[in-house]
PDB file of N, CA and C in Angstrom:
ATOM      1  N   MET A   1     -57.957 -68.424 194.658  1.00  0.00           N
ATOM      2  CA  MET A   1     -56.633 -68.659 194.106  1.00  0.00           C
ATOM      3  C   MET A   1     -55.632 -67.718 194.763  1.00  0.00           C
ATOM      4  N   SER A   2     -54.414 -68.156 194.845  1.00  0.00           N
ATOM      5  CA  SER A   2     -53.345 -67.385 195.460  1.00  0.00           C
ATOM      6  C   SER A   2     -52.267 -67.096 194.424  1.00  0.00           C
ATOM      7  N   GLY A   3     -51.377 -66.157 194.715  1.00  0.00           N
ATOM      8  CA  GLY A   3     -50.307 -65.830 193.790  1.00  0.00           C
ATOM      9  C   GLY A   3     -49.244 -66.907 193.677  1.00  0.00           C
ATOM     10  N   TRP A   4     -49.092 -67.748 194.680  1.00  0.00           N
ATOM     11  CA  TRP A   4     -48.014 -68.744 194.673  1.00  0.00           C
ATOM     12  C   TRP A   4     -48.453 -70.104 194.141  1.00  0.00           C
ATOM     13  N   TRP A   5     -49.728 -70.266 193.826  1.00  0.00           N
ATOM     14  CA  TRP A   5     -50.210 -71.498 193.211  1.00  0.00           C
ATOM     15  C   TRP A   5     -51.351 -71.160 192.268  1.00  0.00           C
ATOM     16  N   ARG A   6     -51.555 -72.054 191.290  1.00  0.00           N
ATOM     17  CA  ARG A   6     -52.700 -71.901 190.409  1.00  0.00           C
ATOM     18  C   ARG A   6     -53.029 -73.240 189.766  1.00  0.00           C
ATOM     19  N   SER A   7     -54.275 -73.377 189.388  1.00  0.00           N
ATOM     20  CA  SER A   7     -54.723 -74.567 188.670  1.00  0.00           C
ATOM     21  C   SER A   7     -54.340 -74.427 187.204  1.00  0.00           C
ATOM     22  N   ASP A   8     -53.966 -75.537 186.600  1.00  0.00           N
ATOM     23  CA  ASP A   8     -53.624 -75.581 185.181  1.00  0.00           C
ATOM     24  C   ASP A   8     -54.286 -76.832 184.612  1.00  0.00           C
ATOM     25  N   GLY A   9     -55.553 -76.694 184.219  1.00  0.00           N
ATOM     26  CA  GLY A   9     -56.307 -77.871 183.782  1.00  0.00           C
ATOM     27  C   GLY A   9     -56.542 -78.786 184.973  1.00  0.00           C
ATOM     28  N   GLU A  10     -56.102 -80.022 184.860  1.00  0.00           N
ATOM     29  CA  GLU A  10     -56.245 -80.987 185.953  1.00  0.00           C
ATOM     30  C   GLU A  10     -55.059 -80.949 186.917  1.00  0.00           C
ATOM     31  N   ASP A  11     -54.097 -80.080 186.646  1.00  0.00           N
ATOM     32  CA  ASP A  11     -52.872 -80.027 187.446  1.00  0.00           C
ATOM     33  C   ASP A  11     -52.850 -78.793 188.337  1.00  0.00           C
ATOM     34  N   LEU A  12     -51.936 -78.825 189.283  1.00  0.00           N
ATOM     35  CA  LEU A  12     -51.705 -77.705 190.181  1.00  0.00           C
ATOM     36  C   LEU A  12     -50.266 -77.255 189.994  1.00  0.00           C
ATOM     37  N   LEU A  13     -50.057 -75.951 189.822  1.00  0.00           N
ATOM     38  CA  LEU A  13     -48.704 -75.396 189.722  1.00  0.00           C
ATOM     39  C   LEU A  13     -48.380 -74.665 191.013  1.00  0.00           C
ATOM     40  N   LEU A  14     -47.200 -74.942 191.561  1.00  0.00           N
ATOM     41  CA  LEU A  14     -46.727 -74.274 192.770  1.00  0.00           C
ATOM     42  C   LEU A  14     -45.485 -73.466 192.420  1.00  0.00           C
ATOM     43  N   PHE A  15     -45.417 -72.257 192.946  1.00  0.00           N
ATOM     44  CA  PHE A  15     -44.255 -71.392 192.754  1.00  0.00           C
ATOM     45  C   PHE A  15     -43.616 -71.220 194.122  1.00  0.00           C
ATOM     46  N   LEU A  16     -42.430 -71.802 194.296  1.00  0.00           N
ATOM     47  CA  LEU A  16     -41.810 -71.926 195.604  1.00  0.00           C
ATOM     48  C   LEU A  16     -40.441 -71.273 195.660  1.00  0.00           C
ATOM     49  N   ARG A  17     -40.068 -70.853 196.844  1.00  0.00           N
ATOM     50  CA  ARG A  17     -38.704 -70.386 197.164  1.00  0.00           C
ATOM     51  C   ARG A  17     -38.205 -71.349 198.238  1.00  0.00           C
ATOM     52  N   VAL A  18     -37.244 -72.190 197.887  1.00  0.00           N
ATOM     53  CA  VAL A  18     -36.784 -73.265 198.773  1.00  0.00           C
ATOM     54  C   VAL A  18     -35.615 -72.799 199.630  1.00  0.00           C
ATOM     55  N   GLN A  19     -35.687 -73.124 200.907  1.00  0.00           N
ATOM     56  CA  GLN A  19     -34.602 -72.851 201.862  1.00  0.00           C
ATOM     57  C   GLN A  19     -34.068 -74.197 202.352  1.00  0.00           C
ATOM     58  N   PRO A  20     -32.936 -74.665 201.793  1.00  0.00           N
ATOM     59  CA  PRO A  20     -32.376 -75.956 202.235  1.00  0.00           C
ATOM     60  C   PRO A  20     -31.694 -75.827 203.601  1.00  0.00           C
ATOM     61  N   ARG A  21     -31.338 -76.970 204.161  1.00  0.00           N
ATOM     62  CA  ARG A  21     -30.657 -77.072 205.457  1.00  0.00           C
ATOM     63  C   ARG A  21     -31.446 -76.435 206.600  1.00  0.00           C
ATOM     64  N   ALA A  22     -32.757 -76.565 206.558  1.00  0.00           N
ATOM     65  CA  ALA A  22     -33.608 -76.062 207.638  1.00  0.00           C
ATOM     66  C   ALA A  22     -33.708 -77.122 208.734  1.00  0.00           C
ATOM     67  N   SER A  23     -34.262 -76.756 209.871  1.00  0.00           N
ATOM     68  CA  SER A  23     -34.373 -77.709 210.978  1.00  0.00           C
ATOM     69  C   SER A  23     -35.445 -78.765 210.721  1.00  0.00           C
ATOM     70  N   ARG A  24     -36.439 -78.426 209.880  1.00  0.00           N
ATOM     71  CA  ARG A  24     -37.467 -79.407 209.511  1.00  0.00           C
ATOM     72  C   ARG A  24     -38.131 -78.988 208.203  1.00  0.00           C
ATOM     73  N   ASN A  25     -38.888 -79.900 207.626  1.00  0.00           N
ATOM     74  CA  ASN A  25     -39.592 -79.638 206.374  1.00  0.00           C
ATOM     75  C   ASN A  25     -40.948 -79.017 206.669  1.00  0.00           C
ATOM     76  N   LEU A  26     -41.199 -77.821 206.116  1.00  0.00           N
ATOM     77  CA  LEU A  26     -42.508 -77.199 206.260  1.00  0.00           C
ATOM     78  C   LEU A  26     -42.655 -76.001 205.364  1.00  0.00           C
ATOM     79  N   PHE A  27     -43.910 -75.608 205.142  1.00  0.00           N
ATOM     80  CA  PHE A  27     -44.215 -74.421 204.354  1.00  0.00           C
ATOM     81  C   PHE A  27     -44.023 -73.195 205.228  1.00  0.00           C
ATOM     82  N   GLY A  28     -43.486 -72.136 204.633  1.00  0.00           N
ATOM     83  CA  GLY A  28     -43.282 -70.886 205.338  1.00  0.00           C
ATOM     84  C   GLY A  28     -44.209 -69.811 204.814  1.00  0.00           C
ATOM     85  N   GLU A  29     -43.750 -68.599 204.942  1.00  0.00           N
ATOM     86  CA  GLU A  29     -44.549 -67.437 204.572  1.00  0.00           C
ATOM     87  C   GLU A  29     -44.639 -67.266 203.055  1.00  0.00           C
ATOM     88  N   VAL A  30     -45.613 -66.465 202.642  1.00  0.00           N
ATOM     89  CA  VAL A  30     -45.756 -66.108 201.241  1.00  0.00           C
ATOM     90  C   VAL A  30     -44.872 -64.893 200.987  1.00  0.00           C
ATOM     91  N   LEU A  31     -44.038 -64.989 199.955  1.00  0.00           N
ATOM     92  CA  LEU A  31     -43.127 -63.916 199.574  1.00  0.00           C
ATOM     93  C   LEU A  31     -43.505 -63.437 198.181  1.00  0.00           C
ATOM     94  N   GLY A  32     -44.413 -62.488 198.098  1.00  0.00           N
ATOM     95  CA  GLY A  32     -44.870 -62.008 196.792  1.00  0.00           C
ATOM     96  C   GLY A  32     -45.642 -63.089 196.070  1.00  0.00           C
ATOM     97  N   ASP A  33     -45.095 -63.558 194.938  1.00  0.00           N
ATOM     98  CA  ASP A  33     -45.771 -64.593 194.160  1.00  0.00           C
ATOM     99  C   ASP A  33     -45.184 -65.981 194.398  1.00  0.00           C
ATOM    100  N   ARG A  34     -44.465 -66.154 195.494  1.00  0.00           N
ATOM    101  CA  ARG A  34     -43.881 -67.463 195.837  1.00  0.00           C
ATOM    102  C   ARG A  34     -44.172 -67.788 197.293  1.00  0.00           C
ATOM    103  N   ARG A  35     -44.138 -69.074 197.606  1.00  0.00           N
ATOM    104  CA  ARG A  35     -44.288 -69.538 198.993  1.00  0.00           C
ATOM    105  C   ARG A  35     -42.956 -70.125 199.416  1.00  0.00           C
ATOM    106  N   LYS A  36     -42.477 -69.722 200.564  1.00  0.00           N
ATOM    107  CA  LYS A  36     -41.220 -70.255 201.078  1.00  0.00           C
ATOM    108  C   LYS A  36     -41.455 -71.682 201.550  1.00  0.00           C
ATOM    109  N   LEU A  37     -40.497 -72.536 201.268  1.00  0.00           N
ATOM    110  CA  LEU A  37     -40.573 -73.925 201.689  1.00  0.00           C
ATOM    111  C   LEU A  37     -39.245 -74.289 202.320  1.00  0.00           C
ATOM    112  N   TYR A  38     -39.293 -74.691 203.562  1.00  0.00           N
ATOM    113  CA  TYR A  38     -38.096 -75.083 204.305  1.00  0.00           C
ATOM    114  C   TYR A  38     -37.885 -76.583 204.153  1.00  0.00           C
ATOM    115  N   LEU A  39     -36.647 -76.972 203.808  1.00  0.00           N
ATOM    116  CA  LEU A  39     -36.303 -78.386 203.652  1.00  0.00           C
ATOM    117  C   LEU A  39     -35.063 -78.714 204.463  1.00  0.00           C
ATOM    118  N   LYS A  40     -35.054 -79.878 205.092  1.00  0.00           N
ATOM    119  CA  LYS A  40     -33.906 -80.313 205.895  1.00  0.00           C
ATOM    120  C   LYS A  40     -32.690 -80.653 205.046  1.00  0.00           C
ATOM    121  N   ALA A  41     -32.907 -81.153 203.853  1.00  0.00           N
ATOM    122  CA  ALA A  41     -31.821 -81.663 203.013  1.00  0.00           C
ATOM    123  C   ALA A  41     -30.893 -80.542 202.537  1.00  0.00           C
ATOM    124  N   PRO A  42     -29.613 -80.859 202.363  1.00  0.00           N
ATOM    125  CA  PRO A  42     -28.668 -79.870 201.808  1.00  0.00           C
ATOM    126  C   PRO A  42     -28.820 -79.785 200.288  1.00  0.00           C
ATOM    127  N   PRO A  43     -28.401 -78.665 199.704  1.00  0.00           N
ATOM    128  CA  PRO A  43     -28.531 -78.492 198.256  1.00  0.00           C
ATOM    129  C   PRO A  43     -27.361 -79.091 197.479  1.00  0.00           C
ATOM    130  N   VAL A  44     -27.052 -80.335 197.730  1.00  0.00           N
ATOM    131  CA  VAL A  44     -25.946 -80.998 197.038  1.00  0.00           C
ATOM    132  C   VAL A  44     -26.436 -82.301 196.418  1.00  0.00           C
ATOM    133  N   GLU A  45     -25.933 -82.586 195.221  1.00  0.00           N
ATOM    134  CA  GLU A  45     -26.210 -83.841 194.524  1.00  0.00           C
ATOM    135  C   GLU A  45     -27.702 -84.148 194.404  1.00  0.00           C
ATOM    136  N   GLY A  46     -28.528 -83.122 194.276  1.00  0.00           N
ATOM    137  CA  GLY A  46     -29.959 -83.316 194.082  1.00  0.00           C
ATOM    138  C   GLY A  46     -30.738 -83.716 195.318  1.00  0.00           C
ATOM    139  N   LYS A  47     -30.087 -83.702 196.489  1.00  0.00           N
ATOM    140  CA  LYS A  47     -30.771 -84.150 197.710  1.00  0.00           C
ATOM    141  C   LYS A  47     -31.940 -83.252 198.087  1.00  0.00           C
ATOM    142  N   ALA A  48     -31.788 -81.947 197.928  1.00  0.00           N
ATOM    143  CA  ALA A  48     -32.883 -81.032 198.267  1.00  0.00           C
ATOM    144  C   ALA A  48     -34.066 -81.234 197.313  1.00  0.00           C
ATOM    145  N   ASN A  49     -33.790 -81.467 196.031  1.00  0.00           N
ATOM    146  CA  ASN A  49     -34.875 -81.713 195.074  1.00  0.00           C
ATOM    147  C   ASN A  49     -35.596 -83.016 195.390  1.00  0.00           C
ATOM    148  N   GLN A  50     -34.854 -84.047 195.758  1.00  0.00           N
ATOM    149  CA  GLN A  50     -35.477 -85.316 196.140  1.00  0.00           C
ATOM    150  C   GLN A  50     -36.358 -85.131 197.372  1.00  0.00           C
ATOM    151  N   GLU A  51     -35.853 -84.376 198.338  1.00  0.00           N
ATOM    152  CA  GLU A  51     -36.625 -84.109 199.561  1.00  0.00           C
ATOM    153  C   GLU A  51     -37.865 -83.278 199.234  1.00  0.00           C
ATOM    154  N   LEU A  52     -37.731 -82.333 198.319  1.00  0.00           N
ATOM    155  CA  LEU A  52     -38.862 -81.508 197.888  1.00  0.00           C
ATOM    156  C   LEU A  52     -39.971 -82.383 197.315  1.00  0.00           C
ATOM    157  N   VAL A  53     -39.634 -83.272 196.407  1.00  0.00           N
ATOM    158  CA  VAL A  53     -40.624 -84.165 195.791  1.00  0.00           C
ATOM    159  C   VAL A  53     -41.270 -85.044 196.850  1.00  0.00           C
ATOM    160  N   ARG A  54     -40.471 -85.625 197.726  1.00  0.00           N
ATOM    161  CA  ARG A  54     -40.976 -86.499 198.780  1.00  0.00           C
ATOM    162  C   ARG A  54     -41.929 -85.742 199.713  1.00  0.00           C
ATOM    163  N   PHE A  55     -41.505 -84.544 200.145  1.00  0.00           N
ATOM    164  CA  PHE A  55     -42.298 -83.747 201.077  1.00  0.00           C
ATOM    165  C   PHE A  55     -43.619 -83.299 200.452  1.00  0.00           C
ATOM    166  N   LEU A  56     -43.574 -82.808 199.216  1.00  0.00           N
ATOM    167  CA  LEU A  56     -44.807 -82.361 198.565  1.00  0.00           C
ATOM    168  C   LEU A  56     -45.769 -83.521 198.331  1.00  0.00           C
ATOM    169  N   ALA A  57     -45.256 -84.660 197.908  1.00  0.00           N
ATOM    170  CA  ALA A  57     -46.115 -85.826 197.689  1.00  0.00           C
ATOM    171  C   ALA A  57     -46.830 -86.217 198.982  1.00  0.00           C
ATOM    172  N   LYS A  58     -46.087 -86.260 200.064  1.00  0.00           N
ATOM    173  CA  LYS A  58     -46.688 -86.631 201.352  1.00  0.00           C
ATOM    174  C   LYS A  58     -47.678 -85.568 201.824  1.00  0.00           C
ATOM    175  N   SER A  59     -47.310 -84.295 201.721  1.00  0.00           N
ATOM    176  CA  SER A  59     -48.169 -83.201 202.186  1.00  0.00           C
ATOM    177  C   SER A  59     -49.465 -83.093 201.393  1.00  0.00           C
ATOM    178  N   LEU A  60     -49.393 -83.397 200.102  1.00  0.00           N
ATOM    179  CA  LEU A  60     -50.558 -83.248 199.230  1.00  0.00           C
ATOM    180  C   LEU A  60     -51.303 -84.553 199.000  1.00  0.00           C
ATOM    181  N   GLY A  61     -50.772 -85.652 199.513  1.00  0.00           N
ATOM    182  CA  GLY A  61     -51.441 -86.944 199.403  1.00  0.00           C
ATOM    183  C   GLY A  61     -51.465 -87.514 197.998  1.00  0.00           C
ATOM    184  N   VAL A  62     -50.347 -87.341 197.287  1.00  0.00           N
ATOM    185  CA  VAL A  62     -50.242 -87.887 195.929  1.00  0.00           C
ATOM    186  C   VAL A  62     -48.973 -88.734 195.835  1.00  0.00           C
ATOM    187  N   PRO A  63     -48.883 -89.630 194.847  1.00  0.00           N
ATOM    188  CA  PRO A  63     -47.639 -90.383 194.646  1.00  0.00           C
ATOM    189  C   PRO A  63     -46.519 -89.450 194.171  1.00  0.00           C
ATOM    190  N   LYS A  64     -45.285 -89.805 194.501  1.00  0.00           N
ATOM    191  CA  LYS A  64     -44.122 -89.004 194.087  1.00  0.00           C
ATOM    192  C   LYS A  64     -44.043 -88.851 192.573  1.00  0.00           C
ATOM    193  N   SER A  65     -44.534 -89.836 191.847  1.00  0.00           N
ATOM    194  CA  SER A  65     -44.464 -89.790 190.384  1.00  0.00           C
ATOM    195  C   SER A  65     -45.309 -88.655 189.798  1.00  0.00           C
ATOM    196  N   ARG A  66     -46.229 -88.096 190.578  1.00  0.00           N
ATOM    197  CA  ARG A  66     -47.072 -87.000 190.092  1.00  0.00           C
ATOM    198  C   ARG A  66     -46.520 -85.621 190.448  1.00  0.00           C
ATOM    199  N   VAL A  67     -45.375 -85.568 191.113  1.00  0.00           N
ATOM    200  CA  VAL A  67     -44.733 -84.301 191.479  1.00  0.00           C
ATOM    201  C   VAL A  67     -43.546 -84.084 190.536  1.00  0.00           C
ATOM    202  N   VAL A  68     -43.595 -83.008 189.753  1.00  0.00           N
ATOM    203  CA  VAL A  68     -42.571 -82.753 188.738  1.00  0.00           C
ATOM    204  C   VAL A  68     -42.005 -81.344 188.924  1.00  0.00           C
ATOM    205  N   ILE A  69     -40.691 -81.245 189.087  1.00  0.00           N
ATOM    206  CA  ILE A  69     -40.041 -79.935 189.129  1.00  0.00           C
ATOM    207  C   ILE A  69     -39.871 -79.493 187.682  1.00  0.00           C
ATOM    208  N   GLU A  70     -40.641 -78.479 187.286  1.00  0.00           N
ATOM    209  CA  GLU A  70     -40.610 -78.016 185.891  1.00  0.00           C
ATOM    210  C   GLU A  70     -39.528 -76.980 185.648  1.00  0.00           C
ATOM    211  N   ALA A  71     -39.223 -76.171 186.630  1.00  0.00           N
ATOM    212  CA  ALA A  71     -38.217 -75.125 186.464  1.00  0.00           C
ATOM    213  C   ALA A  71     -37.521 -74.885 187.787  1.00  0.00           C
ATOM    214  N   GLY A  72     -36.223 -74.571 187.726  1.00  0.00           N
ATOM    215  CA  GLY A  72     -35.474 -74.220 188.916  1.00  0.00           C
ATOM    216  C   GLY A  72     -34.764 -75.366 189.607  1.00  0.00           C
ATOM    217  N   GLU A  73     -34.434 -76.414 188.880  1.00  0.00           N
ATOM    218  CA  GLU A  73     -33.772 -77.558 189.516  1.00  0.00           C
ATOM    219  C   GLU A  73     -32.477 -77.191 190.216  1.00  0.00           C
ATOM    220  N   THR A  74     -31.753 -76.213 189.691  1.00  0.00           N
ATOM    221  CA  THR A  74     -30.471 -75.854 190.308  1.00  0.00           C
ATOM    222  C   THR A  74     -30.544 -74.555 191.106  1.00  0.00           C
ATOM    223  N   GLY A  75     -31.716 -73.970 191.233  1.00  0.00           N
ATOM    224  CA  GLY A  75     -31.867 -72.723 191.987  1.00  0.00           C
ATOM    225  C   GLY A  75     -32.860 -72.866 193.114  1.00  0.00           C
ATOM    226  N   ARG A  76     -33.050 -71.795 193.848  1.00  0.00           N
ATOM    227  CA  ARG A  76     -34.000 -71.807 194.965  1.00  0.00           C
ATOM    228  C   ARG A  76     -35.435 -71.561 194.517  1.00  0.00           C
ATOM    229  N   ASN A  77     -35.613 -70.770 193.452  1.00  0.00           N
ATOM    230  CA  ASN A  77     -36.959 -70.508 192.938  1.00  0.00           C
ATOM    231  C   ASN A  77     -37.362 -71.653 192.022  1.00  0.00           C
ATOM    232  N   LYS A  78     -38.480 -72.298 192.350  1.00  0.00           N
ATOM    233  CA  LYS A  78     -38.898 -73.482 191.612  1.00  0.00           C
ATOM    234  C   LYS A  78     -40.359 -73.380 191.191  1.00  0.00           C
ATOM    235  N   ARG A  79     -40.652 -73.965 190.031  1.00  0.00           N
ATOM    236  CA  ARG A  79     -42.035 -74.161 189.586  1.00  0.00           C
ATOM    237  C   ARG A  79     -42.258 -75.668 189.592  1.00  0.00           C
ATOM    238  N   VAL A  80     -43.245 -76.091 190.363  1.00  0.00           N
ATOM    239  CA  VAL A  80     -43.509 -77.520 190.524  1.00  0.00           C
ATOM    240  C   VAL A  80     -44.931 -77.822 190.060  1.00  0.00           C
ATOM    241  N   ARG A  81     -45.064 -78.846 189.244  1.00  0.00           N
ATOM    242  CA  ARG A  81     -46.387 -79.291 188.769  1.00  0.00           C
ATOM    243  C   ARG A  81     -46.796 -80.528 189.557  1.00  0.00           C
ATOM    244  N   ILE A  82     -48.016 -80.488 190.075  1.00  0.00           N
ATOM    245  CA  ILE A  82     -48.604 -81.654 190.729  1.00  0.00           C
ATOM    246  C   ILE A  82     -49.673 -82.158 189.768  1.00  0.00           C
ATOM    247  N   ARG A  83     -49.430 -83.290 189.169  1.00  0.00           N
ATOM    248  CA  ARG A  83     -50.347 -83.825 188.164  1.00  0.00           C
ATOM    249  C   ARG A  83     -51.625 -84.354 188.830  1.00  0.00           C
ATOM    250  N   GLU A  84     -52.735 -84.078 188.175  1.00  0.00           N
ATOM    251  CA  GLU A  84     -54.053 -84.584 188.583  1.00  0.00           C
ATOM    252  C   GLU A  84     -54.446 -84.151 189.993  1.00  0.00           C
ATOM    253  N   LEU A  85     -54.120 -82.917 190.334  1.00  0.00           N
ATOM    254  CA  LEU A  85     -54.562 -82.320 191.602  1.00  0.00           C
ATOM    255  C   LEU A  85     -54.906 -80.870 191.280  1.00  0.00           C
ATOM    256  N   ALA A  86     -56.186 -80.543 191.268  1.00  0.00           N
ATOM    257  CA  ALA A  86     -56.620 -79.237 190.784  1.00  0.00           C
ATOM    258  C   ALA A  86     -56.589 -78.141 191.843  1.00  0.00           C
ATOM    259  N   THR A  87     -56.529 -78.498 193.125  1.00  0.00           N
ATOM    260  CA  THR A  87     -56.515 -77.477 194.172  1.00  0.00           C
ATOM    261  C   THR A  87     -55.706 -77.956 195.371  1.00  0.00           C
ATOM    262  N   LEU A  88     -55.323 -77.015 196.207  1.00  0.00           N
ATOM    263  CA  LEU A  88     -54.542 -77.348 197.404  1.00  0.00           C
ATOM    264  C   LEU A  88     -55.437 -77.883 198.512  1.00  0.00           C
ATOM    265  N   PRO A  89     -54.925 -78.810 199.322  1.00  0.00           N
ATOM    266  CA  PRO A  89     -55.677 -79.201 200.522  1.00  0.00           C
ATOM    267  C   PRO A  89     -55.715 -78.017 201.488  1.00  0.00           C
ATOM    268  N   GLU A  90     -56.688 -78.007 202.355  1.00  0.00           N
ATOM    269  CA  GLU A  90     -56.823 -76.892 203.293  1.00  0.00           C
ATOM    270  C   GLU A  90     -55.692 -76.838 204.309  1.00  0.00           C
ATOM    271  N   LYS A  91     -55.212 -77.997 204.739  1.00  0.00           N
ATOM    272  CA  LYS A  91     -54.158 -78.049 205.754  1.00  0.00           C
ATOM    273  C   LYS A  91     -52.818 -78.382 205.121  1.00  0.00           C
ATOM    274  N   LEU A  92     -51.820 -77.546 205.365  1.00  0.00           N
ATOM    275  CA  LEU A  92     -50.452 -77.798 204.931  1.00  0.00           C
ATOM    276  C   LEU A  92     -49.554 -77.649 206.147  1.00  0.00           C
ATOM    277  N   PRO A  93     -48.459 -78.443 206.245  1.00  0.00           N
ATOM    278  CA  PRO A  93     -47.537 -78.278 207.371  1.00  0.00           C
ATOM    279  C   PRO A  93     -46.874 -76.898 207.297  1.00  0.00           C
ATOM    280  N   GLN A  94     -47.182 -76.019 208.244  1.00  0.00           N
ATOM    281  CA  GLN A  94     -46.713 -74.642 208.168  1.00  0.00           C
ATOM    282  C   GLN A  94     -45.871 -74.261 209.358  1.00  0.00           C
ATOM    283  N   LYS A  95     -45.013 -73.289 209.114  1.00  0.00           N
ATOM    284  CA  LYS A  95     -44.177 -72.715 210.157  1.00  0.00           C
ATOM    285  C   LYS A  95     -45.044 -71.844 211.056  1.00  0.00           C
ATOM    286  N   ARG A  96     -44.843 -71.950 212.323  1.00  0.00           N
ATOM    287  CA  ARG A  96     -45.631 -71.170 213.281  1.00  0.00           C
ATOM    288  C   ARG A  96     -44.826 -70.016 213.803  1.00  0.00           C
TER     289      ARG A  96
END
């Protein structure tokens, strides 16, 4: 287990620090108890949150309906629940 994610029953909780307006969507470095996540979308009118849900669903191989932003909708620090996924896949799109 890592500080930026944990299992919660059948679900997975992710603790993220989102950086909008990046050149591409990918996971970045671990910052304490959060993982940086770079998103192309701007933080206006919910576009970054929509991109976050889309990107996580694709990266984790789950439907978008199973990705829920539980906390931080209007901020950069977010808690995201992935329903019915107990652990992270080994490969995630990461910044090099």
